[in-house]
Every structure is written in structure tokens, then in C-alpha cells.
Amino acid sequence: MARTKEELLEKLAEDVVEMEDEDVVVTAKEYLDAGYPAMEGLMNGLVKGMSKA
């Protein structure tokens, strides 16, 4: 089952916090392949994780 946009954003942030670089790549690809906006993934996923780390 495909994950929702919110689930993918949360997973991106979590992967960054946990420093799981390979998982970040996989999750980011899944997010982009689902057609979600790259900037939103960056700001609400990756940057959110960097802020917590």
C-alpha cells in the first residue's frame, strides 16, 4: 500500500534525524515518484528533520 504524503514527509524527517542516509534516498524517491512537490518534501521533510537533529 502506498504511503500518504504526510507519512512520507514524516519518514523523511525521521530518516534525517536517525542519519539513515540510504533510507533518506529511498523515501525521497518514493515521495517524488508519487508526484508530490519537491520543494514541499525539502521544506516539510528534510529541513524539518535537520531542525530536530
PDB file of N, CA and C in Angstrom:
ATOM      1  N   MET A   1       0.840  -1.182   0.000  1.00  0.00           N
ATOM      2  CA  MET A   1       0.000   0.000   0.000  1.00  0.00           C
ATOM      3  C   MET A   1       0.886   1.247   0.000  1.00  0.00           C
ATOM      4  N   ALA A   2       0.529   2.185  -0.826  1.00  0.00           N
ATOM      5  CA  ALA A   2       1.305   3.427  -0.924  1.00  0.00           C
ATOM      6  C   ALA A   2       1.098   4.280   0.327  1.00  0.00           C
ATOM      7  N   ARG A   3       2.164   4.947   0.722  1.00  0.00           N
ATOM      8  CA  ARG A   3       2.081   5.822   1.891  1.00  0.00           C
ATOM      9  C   ARG A   3       1.540   7.183   1.472  1.00  0.00           C
ATOM     10  N   THR A   4       0.887   7.854   2.403  1.00  0.00           N
ATOM     11  CA  THR A   4       0.363   9.189   2.129  1.00  0.00           C
ATOM     12  C   THR A   4       1.504  10.202   2.111  1.00  0.00           C
ATOM     13  N   LYS A   5       1.206  11.377   1.584  1.00  0.00           N
ATOM     14  CA  LYS A   5       2.209  12.441   1.553  1.00  0.00           C
ATOM     15  C   LYS A   5       2.695  12.753   2.957  1.00  0.00           C
ATOM     16  N   GLU A   6       1.773  12.838   3.905  1.00  0.00           N
ATOM     17  CA  GLU A   6       2.140  13.152   5.289  1.00  0.00           C
ATOM     18  C   GLU A   6       3.041  12.079   5.885  1.00  0.00           C
ATOM     19  N   GLU A   7       2.741  10.823   5.601  1.00  0.00           N
ATOM     20  CA  GLU A   7       3.572   9.723   6.095  1.00  0.00           C
ATOM     21  C   GLU A   7       4.981   9.793   5.507  1.00  0.00           C
ATOM     22  N   LEU A   8       5.067  10.108   4.235  1.00  0.00           N
ATOM     23  CA  LEU A   8       6.377  10.204   3.592  1.00  0.00           C
ATOM     24  C   LEU A   8       7.176  11.382   4.134  1.00  0.00           C
ATOM     25  N   LEU A   9       6.519  12.516   4.363  1.00  0.00           N
ATOM     26  CA  LEU A   9       7.211  13.678   4.927  1.00  0.00           C
ATOM     27  C   LEU A   9       7.739  13.362   6.321  1.00  0.00           C
ATOM     28  N   GLU A  10       6.926  12.699   7.122  1.00  0.00           N
ATOM     29  CA  GLU A  10       7.354  12.331   8.477  1.00  0.00           C
ATOM     30  C   GLU A  10       8.515  11.338   8.420  1.00  0.00           C
ATOM     31  N   LYS A  11       8.449  10.387   7.487  1.00  0.00           N
ATOM     32  CA  LYS A  11       9.524   9.398   7.325  1.00  0.00           C
ATOM     33  C   LYS A  11      10.815  10.078   6.881  1.00  0.00           C
ATOM     34  N   LEU A  12      10.717  11.056   5.976  1.00  0.00           N
ATOM     35  CA  LEU A  12      11.907  11.800   5.557  1.00  0.00           C
ATOM     36  C   LEU A  12      12.562  12.478   6.750  1.00  0.00           C
ATOM     37  N   ALA A  13      11.753  13.163   7.554  1.00  0.00           N
ATOM     38  CA  ALA A  13      12.283  13.859   8.732  1.00  0.00           C
ATOM     39  C   ALA A  13      12.925  12.863   9.692  1.00  0.00           C
ATOM     40  N   GLU A  14      12.258  11.753   9.919  1.00  0.00           N
ATOM     41  CA  GLU A  14      12.764  10.716  10.830  1.00  0.00           C
ATOM     42  C   GLU A  14      14.082  10.122  10.320  1.00  0.00           C
ATOM     43  N   ASP A  15      14.150   9.864   9.016  1.00  0.00           N
ATOM     44  CA  ASP A  15      15.375   9.312   8.431  1.00  0.00           C
ATOM     45  C   ASP A  15      16.552  10.269   8.610  1.00  0.00           C
ATOM     46  N   VAL A  16      16.296  11.568   8.469  1.00  0.00           N
ATOM     47  CA  VAL A  16      17.361  12.565   8.652  1.00  0.00           C
ATOM     48  C   VAL A  16      17.829  12.565  10.103  1.00  0.00           C
ATOM     49  N   VAL A  17      16.883  12.591  11.036  1.00  0.00           N
ATOM     50  CA  VAL A  17      17.229  12.606  12.462  1.00  0.00           C
ATOM     51  C   VAL A  17      18.058  11.377  12.823  1.00  0.00           C
ATOM     52  N   GLU A  18      17.673  10.229  12.291  1.00  0.00           N
ATOM     53  CA  GLU A  18      18.366   8.970  12.585  1.00  0.00           C
ATOM     54  C   GLU A  18      19.637   8.793  11.747  1.00  0.00           C
ATOM     55  N   MET A  19      19.929   9.763  10.881  1.00  0.00           N
ATOM     56  CA  MET A  19      21.105   9.737   9.994  1.00  0.00           C
ATOM     57  C   MET A  19      21.148   8.478   9.136  1.00  0.00           C
ATOM     58  N   GLU A  20      19.982   8.082   8.657  1.00  0.00           N
ATOM     59  CA  GLU A  20      19.853   6.915   7.781  1.00  0.00           C
ATOM     60  C   GLU A  20      19.901   7.400   6.333  1.00  0.00           C
ATOM     61  N   ASP A  21      21.115   7.687   5.836  1.00  0.00           N
ATOM     62  CA  ASP A  21      21.250   8.311   4.524  1.00  0.00           C
ATOM     63  C   ASP A  21      20.674   7.471   3.388  1.00  0.00           C
ATOM     64  N   GLU A  22      20.822   6.171   3.436  1.00  0.00           N
ATOM     65  CA  GLU A  22      20.261   5.324   2.382  1.00  0.00           C
ATOM     66  C   GLU A  22      18.735   5.349   2.418  1.00  0.00           C
ATOM     67  N   ASP A  23      18.157   5.372   3.620  1.00  0.00           N
ATOM     68  CA  ASP A  23      16.703   5.442   3.751  1.00  0.00           C
ATOM     69  C   ASP A  23      16.171   6.787   3.269  1.00  0.00           C
ATOM     70  N   VAL A  24      16.931   7.868   3.499  1.00  0.00           N
ATOM     71  CA  VAL A  24      16.526   9.190   3.012  1.00  0.00           C
ATOM     72  C   VAL A  24      16.370   9.144   1.497  1.00  0.00           C
ATOM     73  N   VAL A  25      17.328   8.540   0.816  1.00  0.00           N
ATOM     74  CA  VAL A  25      17.288   8.456  -0.646  1.00  0.00           C
ATOM     75  C   VAL A  25      16.070   7.662  -1.106  1.00  0.00           C
ATOM     76  N   VAL A  26      15.822   6.529  -0.482  1.00  0.00           N
ATOM     77  CA  VAL A  26      14.693   5.674  -0.858  1.00  0.00           C
ATOM     78  C   VAL A  26      13.366   6.404  -0.622  1.00  0.00           C
ATOM     79  N   THR A  27      13.227   7.032   0.536  1.00  0.00           N
ATOM     80  CA  THR A  27      11.987   7.729   0.871  1.00  0.00           C
ATOM     81  C   THR A  27      11.785   8.940  -0.031  1.00  0.00           C
ATOM     82  N   ALA A  28      12.849   9.688  -0.296  1.00  0.00           N
ATOM     83  CA  ALA A  28      12.743  10.850  -1.184  1.00  0.00           C
ATOM     84  C   ALA A  28      12.322  10.418  -2.585  1.00  0.00           C
ATOM     85  N   LYS A  29      12.873   9.323  -3.066  1.00  0.00           N
ATOM     86  CA  LYS A  29      12.494   8.816  -4.388  1.00  0.00           C
ATOM     87  C   LYS A  29      11.031   8.399  -4.403  1.00  0.00           C
ATOM     88  N   GLU A  30      10.589   7.723  -3.366  1.00  0.00           N
ATOM     89  CA  GLU A  30       9.184   7.313  -3.273  1.00  0.00           C
ATOM     90  C   GLU A  30       8.275   8.544  -3.277  1.00  0.00           C
ATOM     91  N   TYR A  31       8.657   9.565  -2.529  1.00  0.00           N
ATOM     92  CA  TYR A  31       7.895  10.815  -2.446  1.00  0.00           C
ATOM     93  C   TYR A  31       7.794  11.475  -3.825  1.00  0.00           C
ATOM     94  N   LEU A  32       8.921  11.618  -4.501  1.00  0.00           N
ATOM     95  CA  LEU A  32       8.930  12.264  -5.817  1.00  0.00           C
ATOM     96  C   LEU A  32       8.219  11.420  -6.870  1.00  0.00           C
ATOM     97  N   ASP A  33       8.406  10.112  -6.825  1.00  0.00           N
ATOM     98  CA  ASP A  33       7.742   9.220  -7.780  1.00  0.00           C
ATOM     99  C   ASP A  33       6.225   9.258  -7.634  1.00  0.00           C
ATOM    100  N   ALA A  34       5.750   9.591  -6.428  1.00  0.00           N
ATOM    101  CA  ALA A  34       4.308   9.697  -6.197  1.00  0.00           C
ATOM    102  C   ALA A  34       3.754  11.009  -6.760  1.00  0.00           C
ATOM    103  N   GLY A  35       4.651  11.885  -7.233  1.00  0.00           N
ATOM    104  CA  GLY A  35       4.213  13.131  -7.852  1.00  0.00           C
ATOM    105  C   GLY A  35       4.068  14.302  -6.908  1.00  0.00           C
ATOM    106  N   TYR A  36       4.579  14.160  -5.697  1.00  0.00           N
ATOM    107  CA  TYR A  36       4.486  15.249  -4.728  1.00  0.00           C
ATOM    108  C   TYR A  36       5.551  16.305  -5.028  1.00  0.00           C
ATOM    109  N   PRO A  37       5.291  17.572  -4.661  1.00  0.00           N
ATOM    110  CA  PRO A  37       6.220  18.662  -4.975  1.00  0.00           C
ATOM    111  C   PRO A  37       7.559  18.547  -4.234  1.00  0.00           C
ATOM    112  N   ALA A  38       8.643  18.701  -4.989  1.00  0.00           N
ATOM    113  CA  ALA A  38       9.988  18.581  -4.425  1.00  0.00           C
ATOM    114  C   ALA A  38      10.238  19.603  -3.320  1.00  0.00           C
ATOM    115  N   MET A  39       9.830  20.847  -3.538  1.00  0.00           N
ATOM    116  CA  MET A  39      10.089  21.900  -2.546  1.00  0.00           C
ATOM    117  C   MET A  39       9.392  21.581  -1.229  1.00  0.00           C
ATOM    118  N   GLU A  40       8.192  21.054  -1.306  1.00  0.00           N
ATOM    119  CA  GLU A  40       7.467  20.689  -0.087  1.00  0.00           C
ATOM    120  C   GLU A  40       8.180  19.549   0.643  1.00  0.00           C
ATOM    121  N   GLY A  41       8.687  18.592  -0.102  1.00  0.00           N
ATOM    122  CA  GLY A  41       9.437  17.495   0.504  1.00  0.00           C
ATOM    123  C   GLY A  41      10.698  17.989   1.177  1.00  0.00           C
ATOM    124  N   LEU A  42      11.335  18.931   0.543  1.00  0.00           N
ATOM    125  CA  LEU A  42      12.552  19.509   1.102  1.00  0.00           C
ATOM    126  C   LEU A  42      12.248  20.260   2.393  1.00  0.00           C
ATOM    127  N   MET A  43      11.275  21.161   2.334  1.00  0.00           N
ATOM    128  CA  MET A  43      10.987  22.027   3.477  1.00  0.00           C
ATOM    129  C   MET A  43      10.283  21.289   4.624  1.00  0.00           C
ATOM    130  N   ASN A  44       9.311  20.449   4.291  1.00  0.00           N
ATOM    131  CA  ASN A  44       8.497  19.802   5.326  1.00  0.00           C
ATOM    132  C   ASN A  44       8.978  18.403   5.697  1.00  0.00           C
ATOM    133  N   GLY A  45      10.010  17.938   5.036  1.00  0.00           N
ATOM    134  CA  GLY A  45      10.583  16.632   5.349  1.00  0.00           C
ATOM    135  C   GLY A  45      12.031  16.758   5.778  1.00  0.00           C
ATOM    136  N   LEU A  46      12.878  17.092   4.821  1.00  0.00           N
ATOM    137  CA  LEU A  46      14.319  17.137   5.096  1.00  0.00           C
ATOM    138  C   LEU A  46      14.703  18.248   6.067  1.00  0.00           C
ATOM    139  N   VAL A  47      14.224  19.465   5.830  1.00  0.00           N
ATOM    140  CA  VAL A  47      14.579  20.586   6.714  1.00  0.00           C
ATOM    141  C   VAL A  47      14.001  20.375   8.109  1.00  0.00           C
ATOM    142  N   LYS A  48      12.790  19.834   8.166  1.00  0.00           N
ATOM    143  CA  LYS A  48      12.178  19.529   9.470  1.00  0.00           C
ATOM    144  C   LYS A  48      13.073  18.565  10.253  1.00  0.00           C
ATOM    145  N   GLY A  49      13.576  17.550   9.579  1.00  0.00           N
ATOM    146  CA  GLY A  49      14.474  16.597  10.227  1.00  0.00           C
ATOM    147  C   GLY A  49      15.777  17.242  10.664  1.00  0.00           C
ATOM    148  N   MET A  50      16.327  18.115   9.818  1.00  0.00           N
ATOM    149  CA  MET A  50      17.575  18.805  10.165  1.00  0.00           C
ATOM    150  C   MET A  50      17.382  19.706  11.377  1.00  0.00           C
ATOM    151  N   SER A  51      16.208  20.286  11.500  1.00  0.00           N
ATOM    152  CA  SER A  51      15.919  21.156  12.648  1.00  0.00           C
ATOM    153  C   SER A  51      15.874  20.370  13.952  1.00  0.00           C
ATOM    154  N   LYS A  52      15.457  19.103  13.863  1.00  0.00           N
ATOM    155  CA  LYS A  52      15.361  18.254  15.054  1.00  0.00           C
ATOM    156  C   LYS A  52      16.703  17.627  15.429  1.00  0.00           C
ATOM    157  N   ALA A  53      17.561  17.437  14.427  1.00  0.00           N
ATOM    158  CA  ALA A  53      18.823  16.709  14.648  1.00  0.00           C
ATOM    159  C   ALA A  53      19.803  17.501  15.486  1.00  0.00           C
TER     160      ALA A  53
END
